[in-house]
PDB file of all heavy atoms in Angstrom:
ATOM      1  N   ARG A   1      96.634 -67.609-109.479  1.00  0.00           N
ATOM      2  CA  ARG A   1      96.872 -67.820-110.912  1.00  0.00           C
ATOM      3  C   ARG A   1      96.157 -66.771-111.737  1.00  0.00           C
ATOM      4  O   ARG A   1      96.719 -66.211-112.669  1.00  0.00           O
ATOM      5  CB  ARG A   1      96.415 -69.216-111.308  1.00  0.00           C
ATOM      6  CG  ARG A   1      96.617 -69.500-112.772  1.00  0.00           C
ATOM      7  CD  ARG A   1      96.233 -70.877-113.142  1.00  0.00           C
ATOM      8  NE  ARG A   1      96.343 -71.026-114.570  1.00  0.00           N
ATOM      9  CZ  ARG A   1      95.944 -72.079-115.225  1.00  0.00           C
ATOM     10  NH1 ARG A   1      95.398 -73.090-114.580  1.00  0.00           N
ATOM     11  NH2 ARG A   1      96.048 -72.146-116.523  1.00  0.00           N
ATOM     12  N   GLU A   2      94.910 -66.477-111.372  1.00  0.00           N
ATOM     13  CA  GLU A   2      94.151 -65.452-112.118  1.00  0.00           C
ATOM     14  C   GLU A   2      94.811 -64.101-111.990  1.00  0.00           C
ATOM     15  O   GLU A   2      94.908 -63.349-112.957  1.00  0.00           O
ATOM     16  CB  GLU A   2      92.709 -65.419-111.622  1.00  0.00           C
ATOM     17  CG  GLU A   2      91.918 -66.644-112.019  1.00  0.00           C
ATOM     18  CD  GLU A   2      90.536 -66.703-111.362  1.00  0.00           C
ATOM     19  OE1 GLU A   2      90.239 -65.858-110.512  1.00  0.00           O
ATOM     20  OE2 GLU A   2      89.757 -67.607-111.749  1.00  0.00           O
ATOM     21  N   THR A   3      95.307 -63.781-110.812  1.00  0.00           N
ATOM     22  CA  THR A   3      96.003 -62.514-110.605  1.00  0.00           C
ATOM     23  C   THR A   3      97.271 -62.450-111.452  1.00  0.00           C
ATOM     24  O   THR A   3      97.549 -61.448-112.109  1.00  0.00           O
ATOM     25  CB  THR A   3      96.352 -62.329-109.111  1.00  0.00           C
ATOM     26  OG1 THR A   3      95.156 -62.409-108.350  1.00  0.00           O
ATOM     27  CG2 THR A   3      97.047 -61.011-108.849  1.00  0.00           C
ATOM     28  N   LEU A   4      98.046 -63.534-111.442  1.00  0.00           N
ATOM     29  CA  LEU A   4      99.269 -63.556-112.227  1.00  0.00           C
ATOM     30  C   LEU A   4      98.995 -63.461-113.725  1.00  0.00           C
ATOM     31  O   LEU A   4      99.722 -62.792-114.435  1.00  0.00           O
ATOM     32  CB  LEU A   4     100.048 -64.854-111.934  1.00  0.00           C
ATOM     33  CG  LEU A   4     100.745 -64.920-110.570  1.00  0.00           C
ATOM     34  CD1 LEU A   4     101.331 -66.286-110.339  1.00  0.00           C
ATOM     35  CD2 LEU A   4     101.811 -63.842-110.461  1.00  0.00           C
ATOM     36  N   GLU A   5      97.936 -64.120-114.179  1.00  0.00           N
ATOM     37  CA  GLU A   5      97.585 -64.039-115.598  1.00  0.00           C
ATOM     38  C   GLU A   5      97.219 -62.622-115.996  1.00  0.00           C
ATOM     39  O   GLU A   5      97.575 -62.142-117.074  1.00  0.00           O
ATOM     40  CB  GLU A   5      96.437 -65.009-115.920  1.00  0.00           C
ATOM     41  CG  GLU A   5      96.888 -66.458-115.954  1.00  0.00           C
ATOM     42  CD  GLU A   5      95.751 -67.431-116.130  1.00  0.00           C
ATOM     43  OE1 GLU A   5      94.561 -67.002-116.118  1.00  0.00           O
ATOM     44  OE2 GLU A   5      96.020 -68.626-116.304  1.00  0.00           O
ATOM     45  N   ARG A   6      96.480 -61.892-115.135  1.00  0.00           N
ATOM     46  CA  ARG A   6      96.139 -60.514-115.401  1.00  0.00           C
ATOM     47  C   ARG A   6      97.407 -59.643-115.459  1.00  0.00           C
ATOM     48  O   ARG A   6      97.564 -58.794-116.347  1.00  0.00           O
ATOM     49  CB  ARG A   6      95.180 -59.963-114.368  1.00  0.00           C
ATOM     50  CG  ARG A   6      93.715 -60.366-114.602  1.00  0.00           C
ATOM     51  CD  ARG A   6      92.789 -59.519-113.759  1.00  0.00           C
ATOM     52  NE  ARG A   6      93.055 -59.615-112.316  1.00  0.00           N
ATOM     53  CZ  ARG A   6      92.584 -60.571-111.521  1.00  0.00           C
ATOM     54  NH1 ARG A   6      91.827 -61.507-112.006  1.00  0.00           N
ATOM     55  NH2 ARG A   6      92.875 -60.579-110.240  1.00  0.00           N
ATOM     56  N   GLU A   7      98.286 -59.838-114.506  1.00  0.00           N
ATOM     57  CA  GLU A   7      99.531 -59.055-114.479  1.00  0.00           C
ATOM     58  C   GLU A   7     100.401 -59.342-115.683  1.00  0.00           C
ATOM     59  O   GLU A   7     100.978 -58.453-116.268  1.00  0.00           O
ATOM     60  CB  GLU A   7     100.320 -59.339-113.186  1.00  0.00           C
ATOM     61  CG  GLU A   7      99.667 -58.778-111.952  1.00  0.00           C
ATOM     62  CD  GLU A   7     100.385 -59.188-110.664  1.00  0.00           C
ATOM     63  OE1 GLU A   7     101.450 -59.868-110.770  1.00  0.00           O
ATOM     64  OE2 GLU A   7      99.891 -58.855-109.583  1.00  0.00           O
ATOM     65  N   LEU A   8     100.483 -60.596-116.091  1.00  0.00           N
ATOM     66  CA  LEU A   8     101.275 -60.977-117.245  1.00  0.00           C
ATOM     67  C   LEU A   8     100.699 -60.353-118.520  1.00  0.00           C
ATOM     68  O   LEU A   8     101.446 -59.869-119.350  1.00  0.00           O
ATOM     69  CB  LEU A   8     101.322 -62.496-117.396  1.00  0.00           C
ATOM     70  CG  LEU A   8     102.143 -63.047-118.561  1.00  0.00           C
ATOM     71  CD1 LEU A   8     103.605 -62.608-118.401  1.00  0.00           C
ATOM     72  CD2 LEU A   8     102.067 -64.553-118.621  1.00  0.00           C
ATOM     73  N   ALA A   9      99.391 -60.331-118.638  1.00  0.00           N
ATOM     74  CA  ALA A   9      98.761 -59.718-119.813  1.00  0.00           C
ATOM     75  C   ALA A   9      99.087 -58.234-119.907  1.00  0.00           C
ATOM     76  O   ALA A   9      99.234 -57.688-120.978  1.00  0.00           O
ATOM     77  CB  ALA A   9      97.256 -59.944-119.776  1.00  0.00           C
ATOM     78  N   GLN A  10      99.230 -57.581-118.765  1.00  0.00           N
ATOM     79  CA  GLN A  10      99.531 -56.147-118.743  1.00  0.00           C
ATOM     80  C   GLN A  10     101.017 -55.889-119.080  1.00  0.00           C
ATOM     81  O   GLN A  10     101.328 -54.874-119.656  1.00  0.00           O
ATOM     82  CB  GLN A  10      99.213 -55.555-117.381  1.00  0.00           C
ATOM     83  CG  GLN A  10      97.744 -55.543-117.063  1.00  0.00           C
ATOM     84  CD  GLN A  10      97.484 -55.113-115.631  1.00  0.00           C
ATOM     85  OE1 GLN A  10      98.402 -54.968-114.836  1.00  0.00           O
ATOM     86  NE2 GLN A  10      96.215 -54.956-115.281  1.00  0.00           N
ATOM     87  N   THR A  11     101.896 -56.786-118.687  1.00  0.00           N
ATOM     88  CA  THR A  11     103.320 -56.545-118.871  1.00  0.00           C
ATOM     89  C   THR A  11     103.907 -57.264-120.077  1.00  0.00           C
ATOM     90  O   THR A  11     105.064 -57.070-120.403  1.00  0.00           O
ATOM     91  CB  THR A  11     104.117 -56.999-117.631  1.00  0.00           C
ATOM     92  OG1 THR A  11     103.907 -58.399-117.433  1.00  0.00           O
ATOM     93  CG2 THR A  11     103.735 -56.210-116.411  1.00  0.00           C
ATOM     94  N   GLU A  12     103.135 -58.064-120.765  1.00  0.00           N
ATOM     95  CA  GLU A  12     103.616 -58.845-121.892  1.00  0.00           C
ATOM     96  C   GLU A  12     104.054 -57.929-123.031  1.00  0.00           C
ATOM     97  O   GLU A  12     103.378 -56.976-123.361  1.00  0.00           O
ATOM     98  CB  GLU A  12     102.536 -59.817-122.367  1.00  0.00           C
ATOM     99  CG  GLU A  12     103.072 -60.996-123.095  1.00  0.00           C
ATOM    100  CD  GLU A  12     101.981 -62.008-123.332  1.00  0.00           C
ATOM    101  OE1 GLU A  12     101.536 -62.629-122.368  1.00  0.00           O
ATOM    102  OE2 GLU A  12     101.585 -62.154-124.510  1.00  0.00           O
ATOM    103  N   THR A  13     105.232 -58.186-123.574  1.00  0.00           N
ATOM    104  CA  THR A  13     105.731 -57.373-124.678  1.00  0.00           C
ATOM    105  C   THR A  13     105.510 -58.095-125.997  1.00  0.00           C
ATOM    106  O   THR A  13     105.415 -59.319-126.048  1.00  0.00           O
ATOM    107  CB  THR A  13     107.245 -57.092-124.513  1.00  0.00           C
ATOM    108  OG1 THR A  13     107.938 -58.349-124.452  1.00  0.00           O
ATOM    109  CG2 THR A  13     107.517 -56.319-123.244  1.00  0.00           C
ATOM    110  N   GLU A  14     105.484 -57.310-127.031  1.00  0.00           N
ATOM    111  CA  GLU A  14     105.311 -57.864-128.361  1.00  0.00           C
ATOM    112  C   GLU A  14     106.607 -58.525-128.806  1.00  0.00           C
ATOM    113  O   GLU A  14     107.686 -58.069-128.488  1.00  0.00           O
ATOM    114  CB  GLU A  14     104.933 -56.732-129.330  1.00  0.00           C
ATOM    115  CG  GLU A  14     103.556 -56.176-129.121  1.00  0.00           C
ATOM    116  CD  GLU A  14     102.459 -57.154-129.450  1.00  0.00           C
ATOM    117  OE1 GLU A  14     102.580 -57.882-130.469  1.00  0.00           O
ATOM    118  OE2 GLU A  14     101.496 -57.227-128.696  1.00  0.00           O
ATOM    119  N   PHE A  15     106.466 -59.566-129.586  1.00  0.00           N
ATOM    120  CA  PHE A  15     107.622 -60.235-130.172  1.00  0.00           C
ATOM    121  C   PHE A  15     108.186 -59.358-131.272  1.00  0.00           C
ATOM    122  O   PHE A  15     107.452 -58.857-132.112  1.00  0.00           O
ATOM    123  CB  PHE A  15     107.206 -61.590-130.747  1.00  0.00           C
ATOM    124  CG  PHE A  15     108.274 -62.237-131.568  1.00  0.00           C
ATOM    125  CD1 PHE A  15     109.370 -62.788-130.952  1.00  0.00           C
ATOM    126  CD2 PHE A  15     108.204 -62.257-132.937  1.00  0.00           C
ATOM    127  CE1 PHE A  15     110.368 -63.403-131.702  1.00  0.00           C
ATOM    128  CE2 PHE A  15     109.202 -62.848-133.677  1.00  0.00           C
ATOM    129  CZ  PHE A  15     110.280 -63.403-133.069  1.00  0.00           C
ATOM    130  N   ASP A  16     109.497 -59.122-131.255  1.00  0.00           N
ATOM    131  CA  ASP A  16     110.132 -58.311-132.272  1.00  0.00           C
ATOM    132  C   ASP A  16     111.018 -59.210-133.126  1.00  0.00           C
ATOM    133  O   ASP A  16     112.001 -59.778-132.606  1.00  0.00           O
ATOM    134  CB  ASP A  16     110.982 -57.221-131.615  1.00  0.00           C
ATOM    135  CG  ASP A  16     111.543 -56.226-132.601  1.00  0.00           C
ATOM    136  OD1 ASP A  16     111.296 -56.380-133.824  1.00  0.00           O
ATOM    137  OD2 ASP A  16     112.209 -55.287-132.173  1.00  0.00           O
ATOM    138  N   PRO A  17     110.725 -59.356-134.408  1.00  0.00           N
ATOM    139  CA  PRO A  17     111.548 -60.216-135.269  1.00  0.00           C
ATOM    140  C   PRO A  17     112.987 -59.788-135.385  1.00  0.00           C
ATOM    141  O   PRO A  17     113.874 -60.584-135.633  1.00  0.00           O
ATOM    142  CB  PRO A  17     110.868 -60.126-136.638  1.00  0.00           C
ATOM    143  CG  PRO A  17     109.578 -59.470-136.437  1.00  0.00           C
ATOM    144  CD  PRO A  17     109.587 -58.790-135.123  1.00  0.00           C
ATOM    145  N   LYS A  18     113.259 -58.510-135.079  1.00  0.00           N
ATOM    146  CA  LYS A  18     114.657 -57.999-135.137  1.00  0.00           C
ATOM    147  C   LYS A  18     115.510 -58.659-134.054  1.00  0.00           C
ATOM    148  O   LYS A  18     116.720 -58.694-134.192  1.00  0.00           O
ATOM    149  CB  LYS A  18     114.674 -56.474-135.008  1.00  0.00           C
ATOM    150  CG  LYS A  18     114.097 -55.792-136.210  1.00  0.00           C
ATOM    151  CD  LYS A  18     114.195 -54.283-136.057  1.00  0.00           C
ATOM    152  CE  LYS A  18     113.575 -53.629-137.292  1.00  0.00           C
ATOM    153  NZ  LYS A  18     113.648 -52.171-137.183  1.00  0.00           N
ATOM    154  N   ASP A  19     114.889 -59.129-132.979  1.00  0.00           N
ATOM    155  CA  ASP A  19     115.629 -59.797-131.911  1.00  0.00           C
ATOM    156  C   ASP A  19     116.332 -61.074-132.430  1.00  0.00           C
ATOM    157  O   ASP A  19     117.344 -61.486-131.863  1.00  0.00           O
ATOM    158  CB  ASP A  19     114.725 -60.156-130.740  1.00  0.00           C
ATOM    159  CG  ASP A  19     114.333 -58.962-129.912  1.00  0.00           C
ATOM    160  OD1 ASP A  19     114.970 -57.898-130.055  1.00  0.00           O
ATOM    161  OD2 ASP A  19     113.386 -59.083-129.126  1.00  0.00           O
ATOM    162  N   LEU A  20     115.777 -61.685-133.450  1.00  0.00           N
ATOM    163  CA  LEU A  20     116.342 -62.931-133.978  1.00  0.00           C
ATOM    164  C   LEU A  20     117.288 -62.686-135.141  1.00  0.00           C
ATOM    165  O   LEU A  20     117.864 -63.631-135.670  1.00  0.00           O
ATOM    166  CB  LEU A  20     115.209 -63.858-134.402  1.00  0.00           C
ATOM    167  CG  LEU A  20     114.279 -64.266-133.279  1.00  0.00           C
ATOM    168  CD1 LEU A  20     113.197 -65.207-133.804  1.00  0.00           C
ATOM    169  CD2 LEU A  20     115.026 -64.951-132.143  1.00  0.00           C
ATOM    170  N   GLU A  21     117.441 -61.424-135.526  1.00  0.00           N
ATOM    171  CA  GLU A  21     118.351 -61.081-136.626  1.00  0.00           C
ATOM    172  C   GLU A  21     119.796 -61.365-136.206  1.00  0.00           C
ATOM    173  O   GLU A  21     120.226 -60.990-135.135  1.00  0.00           O
ATOM    174  CB  GLU A  21     118.207 -59.581-136.937  1.00  0.00           C
ATOM    175  CG  GLU A  21     117.955 -59.311-138.372  1.00  0.00           C
ATOM    176  CD  GLU A  21     117.711 -57.832-138.607  1.00  0.00           C
ATOM    177  OE1 GLU A  21     117.815 -57.007-137.718  1.00  0.00           O
ATOM    178  OE2 GLU A  21     117.428 -57.527-139.759  1.00  0.00           O
ATOM    179  N   HIS A  22     120.507 -62.039-137.076  1.00  0.00           N
ATOM    180  CA  HIS A  22     121.895 -62.367-136.799  1.00  0.00           C
ATOM    181  C   HIS A  22     122.780 -61.205-137.263  1.00  0.00           C
ATOM    182  O   HIS A  22     122.551 -60.623-138.300  1.00  0.00           O
ATOM    183  CB  HIS A  22     122.289 -63.646-137.522  1.00  0.00           C
ATOM    184  CG  HIS A  22     123.564 -64.250-137.015  1.00  0.00           C
ATOM    185  ND1 HIS A  22     124.791 -63.785-137.400  1.00  0.00           N
ATOM    186  CD2 HIS A  22     123.781 -65.232-136.130  1.00  0.00           C
ATOM    187  CE1 HIS A  22     125.720 -64.492-136.780  1.00  0.00           C
ATOM    188  NE2 HIS A  22     125.142 -65.387-136.002  1.00  0.00           N
ATOM    189  N   GLY A  23     123.763 -60.865-136.468  1.00  0.00           N
ATOM    190  CA  GLY A  23     124.665 -59.783-136.809  1.00  0.00           C
ATOM    191  C   GLY A  23     125.849 -59.716-135.892  1.00  0.00           C
ATOM    192  O   GLY A  23     126.104 -60.629-135.112  1.00  0.00           O
ATOM    193  N   THR A  24     126.565 -58.614-135.973  1.00  0.00           N
ATOM    194  CA  THR A  24     127.775 -58.429-135.183  1.00  0.00           C
ATOM    195  C   THR A  24     127.634 -57.164-134.329  1.00  0.00           C
ATOM    196  O   THR A  24     127.138 -56.148-134.816  1.00  0.00           O
ATOM    197  CB  THR A  24     129.009 -58.289-136.100  1.00  0.00           C
ATOM    198  OG1 THR A  24     129.048 -59.449-136.938  1.00  0.00           O
ATOM    199  CG2 THR A  24     130.286 -58.211-135.309  1.00  0.00           C
ATOM    200  N   LEU A  25     128.061 -57.267-133.093  1.00  0.00           N
ATOM    201  CA  LEU A  25     128.050 -56.125-132.173  1.00  0.00           C
ATOM    202  C   LEU A  25     129.440 -55.492-132.192  1.00  0.00           C
ATOM    203  O   LEU A  25     130.455 -56.174-132.032  1.00  0.00           O
ATOM    204  CB  LEU A  25     127.725 -56.615-130.766  1.00  0.00           C
ATOM    205  CG  LEU A  25     127.467 -55.552-129.712  1.00  0.00           C
ATOM    206  CD1 LEU A  25     126.230 -54.719-130.061  1.00  0.00           C
ATOM    207  CD2 LEU A  25     127.311 -56.197-128.347  1.00  0.00           C
ATOM    208  N   PHE A  26     129.473 -54.185-132.447  1.00  0.00           N
ATOM    209  CA  PHE A  26     130.719 -53.433-132.507  1.00  0.00           C
ATOM    210  C   PHE A  26     130.764 -52.381-131.407  1.00  0.00           C
ATOM    211  O   PHE A  26     129.756 -51.728-131.156  1.00  0.00           O
ATOM    212  CB  PHE A  26     130.837 -52.703-133.853  1.00  0.00           C
ATOM    213  CG  PHE A  26     131.115 -53.618-135.018  1.00  0.00           C
ATOM    214  CD1 PHE A  26     130.062 -54.167-135.744  1.00  0.00           C
ATOM    215  CD2 PHE A  26     132.419 -53.905-135.399  1.00  0.00           C
ATOM    216  CE1 PHE A  26     130.304 -54.981-136.827  1.00  0.00           C
ATOM    217  CE2 PHE A  26     132.665 -54.740-136.485  1.00  0.00           C
ATOM    218  CZ  PHE A  26     131.598 -55.283-137.184  1.00  0.00           C
ATOM    219  N   ILE A  27     131.943 -52.161-130.835  1.00  0.00           N
ATOM    220  CA  ILE A  27     132.179 -51.010-130.000  1.00  0.00           C
ATOM    221  C   ILE A  27     132.788 -49.973-130.922  1.00  0.00           C
ATOM    222  O   ILE A  27     133.859 -50.196-131.523  1.00  0.00           O
ATOM    223  CB  ILE A  27     133.178 -51.316-128.863  1.00  0.00           C
ATOM    224  CG1 ILE A  27     132.597 -52.411-127.929  1.00  0.00           C
ATOM    225  CG2 ILE A  27     133.486 -50.053-128.072  1.00  0.00           C
ATOM    226  CD1 ILE A  27     133.559 -52.868-126.863  1.00  0.00           C
ATOM    227  N   THR A  28     132.105 -48.849-131.108  1.00  0.00           N
ATOM    228  CA  THR A  28     132.592 -47.798-131.990  1.00  0.00           C
ATOM    229  C   THR A  28     133.375 -46.730-131.248  1.00  0.00           C
ATOM    230  O   THR A  28     134.153 -45.999-131.868  1.00  0.00           O
ATOM    231  CB  THR A  28     131.434 -47.170-132.776  1.00  0.00           C
ATOM    232  OG1 THR A  28     130.459 -46.672-131.847  1.00  0.00           O
ATOM    233  CG2 THR A  28     130.774 -48.177-133.696  1.00  0.00           C
ATOM    234  N   ALA A  29     133.186 -46.623-129.935  1.00  0.00           N
ATOM    235  CA  ALA A  29     133.967 -45.710-129.109  1.00  0.00           C
ATOM    236  C   ALA A  29     133.992 -46.287-127.694  1.00  0.00           C
ATOM    237  O   ALA A  29     132.941 -46.608-127.134  1.00  0.00           O
ATOM    238  CB  ALA A  29     133.374 -44.313-129.099  1.00  0.00           C
ATOM    239  N   VAL A  30     135.176 -46.425-127.121  1.00  0.00           N
ATOM    240  CA  VAL A  30     135.334 -47.075-125.821  1.00  0.00           C
ATOM    241  C   VAL A  30     134.785 -46.207-124.713  1.00  0.00           C
ATOM    242  O   VAL A  30     134.202 -46.725-123.763  1.00  0.00           O
ATOM    243  CB  VAL A  30     136.818 -47.416-125.584  1.00  0.00           C
ATOM    244  CG1 VAL A  30     137.032 -47.938-124.184  1.00  0.00           C
ATOM    245  CG2 VAL A  30     137.279 -48.451-126.613  1.00  0.00           C
ATOM    246  N   GLY A  31     134.950 -44.914-124.793  1.00  0.00           N
ATOM    247  CA  GLY A  31     134.482 -44.040-123.713  1.00  0.00           C
ATOM    248  C   GLY A  31     135.527 -43.847-122.641  1.00  0.00           C
ATOM    249  O   GLY A  31     136.669 -44.296-122.763  1.00  0.00           O
ATOM    250  N   PRO A  32     135.146 -43.228-121.520  1.00  0.00           N
ATOM    251  CA  PRO A  32     136.114 -42.868-120.482  1.00  0.00           C
ATOM    252  C   PRO A  32     136.579 -44.026-119.606  1.00  0.00           C
ATOM    253  O   PRO A  32     137.604 -43.884-118.937  1.00  0.00           O
ATOM    254  CB  PRO A  32     135.325 -41.849-119.646  1.00  0.00           C
ATOM    255  CG  PRO A  32     133.900 -42.215-119.831  1.00  0.00           C
ATOM    256  CD  PRO A  32     133.799 -42.743-121.234  1.00  0.00           C
ATOM    257  N   GLN A  33     135.904 -45.150-119.613  1.00  0.00           N
ATOM    258  CA  GLN A  33     136.268 -46.265-118.708  1.00  0.00           C
ATOM    259  C   GLN A  33     136.960 -47.387-119.481  1.00  0.00           C
ATOM    260  O   GLN A  33     136.490 -48.525-119.530  1.00  0.00           O
ATOM    261  CB  GLN A  33     135.032 -46.782-117.980  1.00  0.00           C
ATOM    262  CG  GLN A  33     134.400 -45.681-117.112  1.00  0.00           C
ATOM    263  CD  GLN A  33     133.354 -46.284-116.195  1.00  0.00           C
ATOM    264  OE1 GLN A  33     133.551 -47.336-115.630  1.00  0.00           O
ATOM    265  NE2 GLN A  33     132.270 -45.556-116.047  1.00  0.00           N
ATOM    266  N   LYS A  34     138.113 -47.045-120.062  1.00  0.00           N
ATOM    267  CA  LYS A  34     138.806 -47.990-120.923  1.00  0.00           C
ATOM    268  C   LYS A  34     139.163 -49.292-120.202  1.00  0.00           C
ATOM    269  O   LYS A  34     139.055 -50.385-120.755  1.00  0.00           O
ATOM    270  CB  LYS A  34     140.073 -47.317-121.463  1.00  0.00           C
ATOM    271  CG  LYS A  34     140.845 -48.167-122.455  1.00  0.00           C
ATOM    272  CD  LYS A  34     142.032 -47.405-122.987  1.00  0.00           C
ATOM    273  CE  LYS A  34     142.816 -48.285-123.944  1.00  0.00           C
ATOM    274  NZ  LYS A  34     143.976 -47.577-124.513  1.00  0.00           N
ATOM    275  N   LEU A  35     139.599 -49.207-118.960  1.00  0.00           N
ATOM    276  CA  LEU A  35     139.978 -50.392-118.224  1.00  0.00           C
ATOM    277  C   LEU A  35     138.798 -51.339-117.962  1.00  0.00           C
ATOM    278  O   LEU A  35     138.896 -52.535-118.138  1.00  0.00           O
ATOM    279  CB  LEU A  35     140.649 -50.021-116.885  1.00  0.00           C
ATOM    280  CG  LEU A  35     141.252 -51.174-116.106  1.00  0.00           C
ATOM    281  CD1 LEU A  35     142.288 -51.924-116.926  1.00  0.00           C
ATOM    282  CD2 LEU A  35     141.878 -50.677-114.826  1.00  0.00           C
ATOM    283  N   LYS A  36     137.654 -50.772-117.612  1.00  0.00           N
ATOM    284  CA  LYS A  36     136.461 -51.597-117.404  1.00  0.00           C
ATOM    285  C   LYS A  36     135.978 -52.221-118.692  1.00  0.00           C
ATOM    286  O   LYS A  36     135.542 -53.363-118.734  1.00  0.00           O
ATOM    287  CB  LYS A  36     135.364 -50.786-116.733  1.00  0.00           C
ATOM    288  CG  LYS A  36     135.677 -50.475-115.287  1.00  0.00           C
ATOM    289  CD  LYS A  36     134.525 -49.814-114.602  1.00  0.00           C
ATOM    290  CE  LYS A  36     134.891 -49.542-113.141  1.00  0.00           C
ATOM    291  NZ  LYS A  36     133.785 -48.989-112.390  1.00  0.00           N
ATOM    292  N   ILE A  37     136.074 -51.458-119.791  1.00  0.00           N
ATOM    293  CA  ILE A  37     135.718 -52.020-121.105  1.00  0.00           C
ATOM    294  C   ILE A  37     136.678 -53.149-121.458  1.00  0.00           C
ATOM    295  O   ILE A  37     136.262 -54.186-121.981  1.00  0.00           O
ATOM    296  CB  ILE A  37     135.736 -50.923-122.195  1.00  0.00           C
ATOM    297  CG1 ILE A  37     134.702 -49.841-121.917  1.00  0.00           C
ATOM    298  CG2 ILE A  37     135.560 -51.510-123.580  1.00  0.00           C
ATOM    299  CD1 ILE A  37     133.266 -50.274-121.986  1.00  0.00           C
ATOM    300  N   ALA A  38     137.966 -52.992-121.149  1.00  0.00           N
ATOM    301  CA  ALA A  38     138.948 -54.021-121.401  1.00  0.00           C
ATOM    302  C   ALA A  38     138.618 -55.291-120.598  1.00  0.00           C
ATOM    303  O   ALA A  38     138.759 -56.402-121.097  1.00  0.00           O
ATOM    304  CB  ALA A  38     140.352 -53.541-121.051  1.00  0.00           C
ATOM    305  N   GLN A  39     138.126 -55.124-119.381  1.00  0.00           N
ATOM    306  CA  GLN A  39     137.706 -56.292-118.571  1.00  0.00           C
ATOM    307  C   GLN A  39     136.532 -57.007-119.206  1.00  0.00           C
ATOM    308  O   GLN A  39     136.475 -58.249-119.210  1.00  0.00           O
ATOM    309  CB  GLN A  39     137.396 -55.848-117.160  1.00  0.00           C
ATOM    310  CG  GLN A  39     138.603 -55.406-116.366  1.00  0.00           C
ATOM    311  CD  GLN A  39     138.245 -54.791-115.027  1.00  0.00           C
ATOM    312  OE1 GLN A  39     137.110 -54.402-114.796  1.00  0.00           O
ATOM    313  NE2 GLN A  39     139.227 -54.716-114.133  1.00  0.00           N
TER     314      GLN A  39
END
C-alpha cells in the first residue's frame, strides 16, 4: 500500500476544469481513411 501510494503521488495529474466543459466535437477534415472514419 505504501509503495502504491508513492507511485500514485508521482503519477497523479491535476484536475482540469476544461474537462467538464460541455461542448460539441466536430470533424473538420476526414483525412485519408474515409471508410474507417465512416465506421
